[in-house]
Amino acid sequence: MKKFSMISLCILLASSFSLTANCQIVDKPVTQTKFTNFSTTMATSEIIKLEQWKSVVNDGTNFGYTNNVSSPQITQDVIDKGLVMIYWQDKTSWYGLPFSDARTGYSDHINFILSAGNVLVKYSGYNNSAVPNIKALNGQGIRIIIMQPTNDK
């Protein structure tokens, strides 16, 4: 048994050495990438209060609400080549979307779907104690930041 253990140890050490002997550290300079497909000005940065929530799921534990926001500045060109960032306001704090918070007994998930001219905000999760009242969501805000693409190729 000792002989088998010694042979196994020798094989393990030899294979470890051969693996590390083939490793090389290569110093490569960090190169900068210039992003030229975004304009330096934002098309819009607006805060929108959400008032028209719709319940899509509510079984007493699981919940799902949606709110469709019109935003004509979100064009198909912006979706394809620009940049849209959305933030959620909960009282005085701001959270970048998508956002998730999972703890014992509940979870919250807030995300969005973009289409030309619209943002669909989705708020879903579960709560073992009580599902959030849809009216309590009224007045929550989102901030939409849109950066138009440039015509540079």
N, C-alpha and C. Protein backbone atom coordinates (compact mmCIF):
# COMPACT_ATOMS: atom_id res chain seq x y z
N MET A 1 0.82 -1.19 0.00
CA MET A 1 0.00 0.00 0.00
C MET A 1 0.87 1.26 0.00
N LYS A 2 1.98 1.22 0.80
CA LYS A 2 2.89 2.36 0.84
C LYS A 2 3.50 2.61 -0.53
N LYS A 3 3.84 1.51 -1.23
CA LYS A 3 4.46 1.64 -2.54
C LYS A 3 3.48 2.31 -3.52
N PHE A 4 2.21 1.90 -3.47
CA PHE A 4 1.19 2.49 -4.34
C PHE A 4 1.02 3.98 -4.04
N SER A 5 1.01 4.35 -2.76
CA SER A 5 0.87 5.75 -2.37
C SER A 5 2.06 6.58 -2.85
N MET A 6 3.25 6.05 -2.72
CA MET A 6 4.45 6.76 -3.17
C MET A 6 4.44 6.95 -4.68
N ILE A 7 4.04 5.91 -5.41
CA ILE A 7 3.98 6.02 -6.87
C ILE A 7 2.94 7.06 -7.27
N SER A 8 1.78 7.03 -6.62
CA SER A 8 0.72 8.01 -6.91
C SER A 8 1.20 9.42 -6.62
N LEU A 9 1.90 9.60 -5.50
CA LEU A 9 2.41 10.92 -5.14
C LEU A 9 3.43 11.40 -6.17
N CYS A 10 4.31 10.51 -6.61
CA CYS A 10 5.32 10.88 -7.61
C CYS A 10 4.66 11.28 -8.93
N ILE A 11 3.65 10.53 -9.34
CA ILE A 11 2.94 10.85 -10.59
C ILE A 11 2.25 12.21 -10.46
N LEU A 12 1.61 12.45 -9.32
CA LEU A 12 0.93 13.71 -9.08
C LEU A 12 1.91 14.88 -9.13
N LEU A 13 3.05 14.75 -8.45
CA LEU A 13 4.04 15.82 -8.44
C LEU A 13 4.62 16.05 -9.83
N ALA A 14 4.89 14.98 -10.56
CA ALA A 14 5.46 15.12 -11.90
C ALA A 14 4.47 15.81 -12.84
N SER A 15 3.20 15.43 -12.76
CA SER A 15 2.21 16.06 -13.65
C SER A 15 2.00 17.52 -13.26
N SER A 16 2.02 17.83 -11.98
CA SER A 16 1.88 19.22 -11.54
C SER A 16 3.04 20.06 -12.04
N PHE A 17 4.26 19.51 -11.94
CA PHE A 17 5.43 20.24 -12.40
C PHE A 17 5.37 20.48 -13.90
N SER A 18 4.95 19.46 -14.66
CA SER A 18 4.91 19.63 -16.11
C SER A 18 3.85 20.65 -16.52
N LEU A 19 2.75 20.73 -15.78
CA LEU A 19 1.72 21.73 -16.09
C LEU A 19 2.21 23.14 -15.79
N THR A 20 2.88 23.30 -14.66
CA THR A 20 3.35 24.64 -14.30
C THR A 20 4.57 25.04 -15.12
N ALA A 21 5.34 24.08 -15.58
CA ALA A 21 6.52 24.41 -16.38
C ALA A 21 6.12 24.99 -17.73
N ASN A 22 4.92 24.65 -18.21
CA ASN A 22 4.46 25.15 -19.50
C ASN A 22 3.77 26.51 -19.40
N CYS A 23 3.57 27.03 -18.21
CA CYS A 23 2.90 28.32 -18.04
C CYS A 23 3.89 29.44 -18.27
N GLN A 24 3.43 30.49 -18.92
CA GLN A 24 4.25 31.66 -19.15
C GLN A 24 3.46 32.89 -18.78
N ILE A 25 4.13 33.85 -18.24
CA ILE A 25 3.52 35.14 -17.99
C ILE A 25 3.97 36.06 -19.10
N VAL A 26 3.02 36.58 -19.82
CA VAL A 26 3.34 37.45 -20.94
C VAL A 26 2.88 38.85 -20.57
N ASP A 27 3.81 39.77 -20.58
CA ASP A 27 3.46 41.16 -20.32
C ASP A 27 3.05 41.82 -21.62
N LYS A 28 1.77 42.16 -21.70
CA LYS A 28 1.28 42.87 -22.87
C LYS A 28 0.79 44.23 -22.41
N PRO A 29 1.11 45.25 -23.15
CA PRO A 29 0.64 46.58 -22.75
C PRO A 29 -0.89 46.67 -22.88
N VAL A 30 -1.48 47.43 -22.00
CA VAL A 30 -2.91 47.66 -22.07
C VAL A 30 -3.15 48.70 -23.15
N THR A 31 -4.02 48.35 -24.08
CA THR A 31 -4.32 49.29 -25.15
C THR A 31 -5.65 49.97 -24.88
N GLN A 32 -5.74 51.20 -25.29
CA GLN A 32 -6.99 51.93 -25.13
C GLN A 32 -7.85 51.71 -26.36
N THR A 33 -9.14 51.57 -26.13
CA THR A 33 -10.09 51.47 -27.22
C THR A 33 -10.89 52.75 -27.26
N LYS A 34 -10.94 53.34 -28.40
CA LYS A 34 -11.71 54.58 -28.54
C LYS A 34 -13.11 54.21 -29.05
N PHE A 35 -14.12 54.59 -28.28
CA PHE A 35 -15.49 54.32 -28.67
C PHE A 35 -15.99 55.54 -29.43
N THR A 36 -16.29 55.35 -30.69
CA THR A 36 -16.69 56.48 -31.51
C THR A 36 -18.13 56.39 -31.99
N ASN A 37 -18.86 55.39 -31.54
CA ASN A 37 -20.21 55.25 -32.07
C ASN A 37 -21.28 55.87 -31.16
N PHE A 38 -20.89 56.64 -30.16
CA PHE A 38 -21.85 57.33 -29.31
C PHE A 38 -21.61 58.83 -29.39
N SER A 39 -22.69 59.58 -29.35
CA SER A 39 -22.54 61.03 -29.32
C SER A 39 -22.15 61.46 -27.92
N THR A 40 -21.65 62.65 -27.80
CA THR A 40 -21.25 63.13 -26.48
C THR A 40 -22.41 63.80 -25.75
N THR A 41 -23.53 63.97 -26.43
CA THR A 41 -24.68 64.58 -25.78
C THR A 41 -25.78 63.55 -25.62
N MET A 42 -26.51 63.66 -24.53
CA MET A 42 -27.63 62.76 -24.30
C MET A 42 -28.86 63.31 -25.00
N ALA A 43 -29.63 62.42 -25.59
CA ALA A 43 -30.86 62.85 -26.21
C ALA A 43 -31.88 63.21 -25.14
N THR A 44 -31.87 62.46 -24.07
CA THR A 44 -32.82 62.74 -23.00
C THR A 44 -32.35 62.13 -21.69
N SER A 45 -32.71 62.75 -20.64
CA SER A 45 -32.52 62.22 -19.30
C SER A 45 -33.70 62.74 -18.49
N GLU A 46 -34.72 61.93 -18.41
CA GLU A 46 -35.94 62.40 -17.77
C GLU A 46 -36.40 61.44 -16.68
N ILE A 47 -37.07 61.99 -15.68
CA ILE A 47 -37.66 61.19 -14.62
C ILE A 47 -39.15 61.09 -14.90
N ILE A 48 -39.65 59.87 -14.88
CA ILE A 48 -41.06 59.62 -15.16
C ILE A 48 -41.67 58.93 -13.95
N LYS A 49 -42.74 59.49 -13.41
CA LYS A 49 -43.46 58.86 -12.31
C LYS A 49 -44.40 57.81 -12.89
N LEU A 50 -44.35 56.61 -12.35
CA LEU A 50 -45.17 55.50 -12.84
C LEU A 50 -46.49 55.46 -12.09
N GLU A 51 -47.59 55.55 -12.81
CA GLU A 51 -48.91 55.60 -12.18
C GLU A 51 -49.86 54.51 -12.67
N GLN A 52 -49.67 53.98 -13.85
CA GLN A 52 -50.64 53.07 -14.46
C GLN A 52 -50.17 51.62 -14.44
N TRP A 53 -50.01 51.05 -13.26
CA TRP A 53 -49.55 49.67 -13.13
C TRP A 53 -50.68 48.70 -13.48
N LYS A 54 -50.31 47.58 -14.09
CA LYS A 54 -51.27 46.52 -14.39
C LYS A 54 -50.79 45.25 -13.70
N SER A 55 -51.71 44.54 -13.07
CA SER A 55 -51.37 43.28 -12.41
C SER A 55 -51.45 42.15 -13.43
N VAL A 56 -50.36 41.38 -13.55
CA VAL A 56 -50.37 40.23 -14.46
C VAL A 56 -50.37 38.92 -13.70
N VAL A 57 -49.90 38.93 -12.45
CA VAL A 57 -49.92 37.75 -11.58
C VAL A 57 -50.12 38.24 -10.16
N ASN A 58 -51.02 37.60 -9.43
CA ASN A 58 -51.17 37.88 -8.01
C ASN A 58 -51.96 36.74 -7.39
N ASP A 59 -51.24 35.76 -6.87
CA ASP A 59 -51.91 34.61 -6.26
C ASP A 59 -51.80 34.63 -4.73
N GLY A 60 -51.43 35.77 -4.18
CA GLY A 60 -51.30 35.88 -2.73
C GLY A 60 -49.87 35.71 -2.25
N THR A 61 -49.03 35.07 -3.07
CA THR A 61 -47.61 34.91 -2.75
C THR A 61 -46.75 35.46 -3.88
N ASN A 62 -47.03 35.04 -5.09
CA ASN A 62 -46.30 35.50 -6.27
C ASN A 62 -47.00 36.71 -6.86
N PHE A 63 -46.22 37.64 -7.36
CA PHE A 63 -46.82 38.83 -7.96
C PHE A 63 -46.04 39.26 -9.19
N GLY A 64 -46.73 39.95 -10.06
CA GLY A 64 -46.12 40.51 -11.25
C GLY A 64 -46.93 41.70 -11.72
N TYR A 65 -46.26 42.83 -11.90
CA TYR A 65 -46.91 44.05 -12.34
C TYR A 65 -46.13 44.62 -13.52
N THR A 66 -46.82 45.28 -14.42
CA THR A 66 -46.16 45.93 -15.55
C THR A 66 -46.64 47.37 -15.67
N ASN A 67 -45.80 48.17 -16.30
CA ASN A 67 -46.14 49.56 -16.55
C ASN A 67 -45.49 49.95 -17.87
N ASN A 68 -46.30 50.35 -18.83
CA ASN A 68 -45.78 50.72 -20.14
C ASN A 68 -45.58 52.23 -20.21
N VAL A 69 -44.36 52.64 -20.55
CA VAL A 69 -44.01 54.05 -20.59
C VAL A 69 -43.69 54.44 -22.03
N SER A 70 -44.33 55.49 -22.50
CA SER A 70 -44.05 56.00 -23.84
C SER A 70 -42.78 56.85 -23.79
N SER A 71 -41.88 56.59 -24.72
CA SER A 71 -40.64 57.38 -24.82
C SER A 71 -40.26 57.48 -26.29
N PRO A 72 -40.80 58.47 -26.99
CA PRO A 72 -40.56 58.60 -28.43
C PRO A 72 -39.08 58.74 -28.81
N GLN A 73 -38.24 59.16 -27.87
CA GLN A 73 -36.80 59.32 -28.17
C GLN A 73 -36.11 57.97 -28.35
N ILE A 74 -36.75 56.89 -27.88
CA ILE A 74 -36.16 55.56 -28.08
C ILE A 74 -36.58 55.07 -29.46
N THR A 75 -35.72 55.27 -30.41
CA THR A 75 -35.98 54.84 -31.78
C THR A 75 -35.33 53.47 -32.00
N GLN A 76 -35.64 52.85 -33.12
CA GLN A 76 -35.01 51.57 -33.44
C GLN A 76 -33.51 51.76 -33.62
N ASP A 77 -33.09 52.91 -34.14
CA ASP A 77 -31.67 53.21 -34.30
C ASP A 77 -30.97 53.28 -32.94
N VAL A 78 -31.63 53.87 -31.95
CA VAL A 78 -31.07 53.92 -30.59
C VAL A 78 -30.95 52.51 -30.03
N ILE A 79 -31.98 51.69 -30.22
CA ILE A 79 -31.94 50.32 -29.71
C ILE A 79 -30.82 49.53 -30.37
N ASP A 80 -30.67 49.68 -31.68
CA ASP A 80 -29.66 48.91 -32.42
C ASP A 80 -28.24 49.41 -32.23
N LYS A 81 -28.05 50.74 -32.13
CA LYS A 81 -26.69 51.29 -32.15
C LYS A 81 -26.37 52.24 -31.02
N GLY A 82 -27.37 52.65 -30.25
CA GLY A 82 -27.15 53.63 -29.19
C GLY A 82 -27.07 52.96 -27.83
N LEU A 83 -27.49 53.71 -26.83
CA LEU A 83 -27.40 53.23 -25.45
C LEU A 83 -28.59 53.76 -24.67
N VAL A 84 -29.27 52.86 -23.95
CA VAL A 84 -30.37 53.24 -23.07
C VAL A 84 -30.07 52.67 -21.70
N MET A 85 -30.07 53.54 -20.70
CA MET A 85 -29.90 53.11 -19.31
C MET A 85 -31.14 53.53 -18.55
N ILE A 86 -31.60 52.65 -17.66
CA ILE A 86 -32.81 52.95 -16.90
C ILE A 86 -32.53 52.71 -15.43
N TYR A 87 -32.98 53.66 -14.61
CA TYR A 87 -32.81 53.59 -13.16
C TYR A 87 -34.18 53.63 -12.50
N TRP A 88 -34.32 52.93 -11.38
CA TRP A 88 -35.55 52.84 -10.61
C TRP A 88 -35.39 53.66 -9.34
N GLN A 89 -36.39 54.48 -9.05
CA GLN A 89 -36.37 55.28 -7.82
C GLN A 89 -37.32 54.67 -6.81
N ASP A 90 -36.77 54.33 -5.66
CA ASP A 90 -37.57 53.82 -4.55
C ASP A 90 -37.39 54.79 -3.39
N LYS A 91 -38.34 55.63 -3.19
CA LYS A 91 -38.29 56.72 -2.20
C LYS A 91 -37.15 57.66 -2.57
N THR A 92 -36.02 57.60 -1.88
CA THR A 92 -34.92 58.52 -2.19
C THR A 92 -33.71 57.84 -2.82
N SER A 93 -33.76 56.52 -2.99
CA SER A 93 -32.62 55.79 -3.55
C SER A 93 -32.87 55.47 -5.02
N TRP A 94 -31.78 55.39 -5.78
CA TRP A 94 -31.84 55.03 -7.19
C TRP A 94 -31.09 53.72 -7.41
N TYR A 95 -31.66 52.83 -8.24
CA TYR A 95 -31.06 51.54 -8.54
C TYR A 95 -31.02 51.36 -10.05
N GLY A 96 -29.88 50.93 -10.57
CA GLY A 96 -29.79 50.63 -11.99
C GLY A 96 -30.56 49.36 -12.31
N LEU A 97 -31.28 49.37 -13.42
CA LEU A 97 -32.04 48.19 -13.82
C LEU A 97 -31.25 47.38 -14.83
N PRO A 98 -31.38 46.06 -14.80
CA PRO A 98 -32.26 45.25 -13.95
C PRO A 98 -31.75 45.19 -12.51
N PHE A 99 -32.68 44.99 -11.60
CA PHE A 99 -32.39 44.97 -10.17
C PHE A 99 -33.08 43.76 -9.55
N SER A 100 -32.39 43.06 -8.66
CA SER A 100 -32.98 41.94 -7.92
C SER A 100 -32.57 42.02 -6.47
N ASP A 101 -33.49 41.66 -5.60
CA ASP A 101 -33.23 41.58 -4.16
C ASP A 101 -33.93 40.34 -3.65
N ALA A 102 -33.17 39.37 -3.21
CA ALA A 102 -33.75 38.12 -2.71
C ALA A 102 -33.30 37.89 -1.28
N ARG A 103 -34.25 37.70 -0.42
CA ARG A 103 -33.98 37.42 0.98
C ARG A 103 -34.90 36.31 1.44
N THR A 104 -34.73 35.86 2.66
CA THR A 104 -35.59 34.81 3.18
C THR A 104 -37.03 35.31 3.22
N GLY A 105 -37.90 34.62 2.52
CA GLY A 105 -39.32 34.95 2.56
C GLY A 105 -39.81 35.86 1.47
N TYR A 106 -38.91 36.51 0.73
CA TYR A 106 -39.38 37.35 -0.37
C TYR A 106 -38.28 37.61 -1.39
N SER A 107 -38.70 38.02 -2.55
CA SER A 107 -37.77 38.48 -3.58
C SER A 107 -38.45 39.54 -4.42
N ASP A 108 -37.67 40.48 -4.90
CA ASP A 108 -38.13 41.53 -5.80
C ASP A 108 -37.24 41.53 -7.04
N HIS A 109 -37.85 41.67 -8.19
CA HIS A 109 -37.11 41.75 -9.45
C HIS A 109 -37.73 42.86 -10.29
N ILE A 110 -36.91 43.79 -10.72
CA ILE A 110 -37.39 44.88 -11.55
C ILE A 110 -36.53 44.90 -12.81
N ASN A 111 -37.16 44.78 -13.96
CA ASN A 111 -36.43 44.84 -15.21
C ASN A 111 -37.25 45.58 -16.25
N PHE A 112 -36.77 45.60 -17.47
CA PHE A 112 -37.47 46.35 -18.51
C PHE A 112 -37.24 45.71 -19.86
N ILE A 113 -38.16 45.99 -20.76
CA ILE A 113 -38.05 45.56 -22.15
C ILE A 113 -38.21 46.81 -23.02
N LEU A 114 -37.25 47.00 -23.92
CA LEU A 114 -37.30 48.15 -24.82
C LEU A 114 -37.94 47.78 -26.15
N SER A 115 -38.70 48.69 -26.69
CA SER A 115 -39.15 48.63 -28.07
C SER A 115 -39.17 50.07 -28.56
N ALA A 116 -39.22 50.25 -29.86
CA ALA A 116 -39.20 51.61 -30.41
C ALA A 116 -40.36 52.41 -29.83
N GLY A 117 -40.02 53.49 -29.12
CA GLY A 117 -41.03 54.37 -28.55
C GLY A 117 -41.57 53.96 -27.20
N ASN A 118 -41.13 52.83 -26.66
CA ASN A 118 -41.70 52.34 -25.40
C ASN A 118 -40.67 51.66 -24.50
N VAL A 119 -40.97 51.72 -23.20
CA VAL A 119 -40.25 50.95 -22.19
C VAL A 119 -41.32 50.22 -21.38
N LEU A 120 -41.23 48.91 -21.33
CA LEU A 120 -42.13 48.12 -20.49
C LEU A 120 -41.37 47.79 -19.21
N VAL A 121 -41.81 48.35 -18.09
CA VAL A 121 -41.19 48.10 -16.79
C VAL A 121 -41.92 46.93 -16.16
N LYS A 122 -41.15 45.95 -15.68
CA LYS A 122 -41.74 44.75 -15.06
C LYS A 122 -41.24 44.63 -13.62
N TYR A 123 -42.18 44.49 -12.71
CA TYR A 123 -41.86 44.33 -11.29
C TYR A 123 -42.49 43.02 -10.84
N SER A 124 -41.66 42.07 -10.40
CA SER A 124 -42.18 40.75 -10.04
C SER A 124 -41.42 40.19 -8.85
N GLY A 125 -41.96 39.13 -8.29
CA GLY A 125 -41.32 38.46 -7.17
C GLY A 125 -42.30 37.63 -6.39
N TYR A 126 -41.93 37.35 -5.15
CA TYR A 126 -42.83 36.65 -4.24
C TYR A 126 -42.63 37.20 -2.84
N ASN A 127 -43.64 37.02 -2.02
CA ASN A 127 -43.57 37.45 -0.63
C ASN A 127 -44.44 36.52 0.18
N ASN A 128 -43.82 35.80 1.12
CA ASN A 128 -44.57 34.85 1.94
C ASN A 128 -45.50 35.54 2.93
N SER A 129 -45.28 36.82 3.21
CA SER A 129 -46.12 37.54 4.18
C SER A 129 -47.28 38.24 3.50
N ALA A 130 -46.99 39.08 2.53
CA ALA A 130 -48.04 39.83 1.84
C ALA A 130 -47.51 40.36 0.52
N VAL A 131 -48.32 40.25 -0.50
CA VAL A 131 -47.96 40.76 -1.81
C VAL A 131 -48.10 42.28 -1.80
N PRO A 132 -47.13 43.00 -2.39
CA PRO A 132 -47.24 44.46 -2.41
C PRO A 132 -48.53 44.92 -3.11
N ASN A 133 -49.16 45.91 -2.54
CA ASN A 133 -50.37 46.47 -3.11
C ASN A 133 -49.99 47.26 -4.36
N ILE A 134 -50.73 47.04 -5.42
CA ILE A 134 -50.43 47.71 -6.69
C ILE A 134 -50.48 49.23 -6.54
N LYS A 135 -51.35 49.73 -5.68
CA LYS A 135 -51.46 51.18 -5.48
C LYS A 135 -50.21 51.75 -4.82
N ALA A 136 -49.51 50.92 -4.04
CA ALA A 136 -48.28 51.38 -3.38
C ALA A 136 -47.17 51.65 -4.39
N LEU A 137 -47.28 51.07 -5.57
CA LEU A 137 -46.27 51.29 -6.60
C LEU A 137 -46.46 52.61 -7.33
N ASN A 138 -47.67 53.14 -7.29
CA ASN A 138 -47.92 54.43 -7.96
C ASN A 138 -47.03 55.50 -7.36
N GLY A 139 -46.45 56.30 -8.22
CA GLY A 139 -45.56 57.36 -7.76
C GLY A 139 -44.09 56.98 -7.78
N GLN A 140 -43.79 55.67 -7.91
CA GLN A 140 -42.39 55.27 -8.07
C GLN A 140 -41.91 55.85 -9.39
N GLY A 141 -40.63 56.12 -9.49
CA GLY A 141 -40.13 56.75 -10.71
C GLY A 141 -39.06 55.95 -11.40
N ILE A 142 -38.90 56.22 -12.68
CA ILE A 142 -37.76 55.71 -13.42
C ILE A 142 -37.07 56.89 -14.10
N ARG A 143 -35.80 56.74 -14.29
CA ARG A 143 -35.03 57.72 -15.06
C ARG A 143 -34.54 56.99 -16.30
N ILE A 144 -34.84 57.57 -17.45
CA ILE A 144 -34.40 57.00 -18.72
C ILE A 144 -33.30 57.90 -19.28
N ILE A 145 -32.16 57.31 -19.54
CA ILE A 145 -31.04 58.04 -20.14
C ILE A 145 -30.79 57.43 -21.51
N ILE A 146 -30.87 58.25 -22.53
CA ILE A 146 -30.73 57.77 -23.91
C ILE A 146 -29.55 58.48 -24.55
N MET A 147 -28.65 57.70 -25.12
CA MET A 147 -27.54 58.27 -25.89
C MET A 147 -27.72 57.87 -27.34
N GLN A 148 -27.82 58.86 -28.19
CA GLN A 148 -28.02 58.64 -29.61
C GLN A 148 -26.72 58.12 -30.24
N PRO A 149 -26.84 57.21 -31.21
CA PRO A 149 -25.63 56.79 -31.93
C PRO A 149 -25.20 57.89 -32.89
N THR A 150 -23.92 57.90 -33.23
CA THR A 150 -23.44 58.83 -34.25
C THR A 150 -23.46 58.12 -35.58
N ASN A 151 -23.22 58.84 -36.62
CA ASN A 151 -23.19 58.23 -37.95
C ASN A 151 -21.79 57.80 -38.34
N ASP A 152 -20.83 57.89 -37.40
CA ASP A 152 -19.46 57.47 -37.69
C ASP A 152 -19.42 55.97 -37.90
N LYS A 153 -18.70 55.53 -38.85
CA LYS A 153 -18.58 54.09 -39.11
C LYS A 153 -17.19 53.62 -38.79
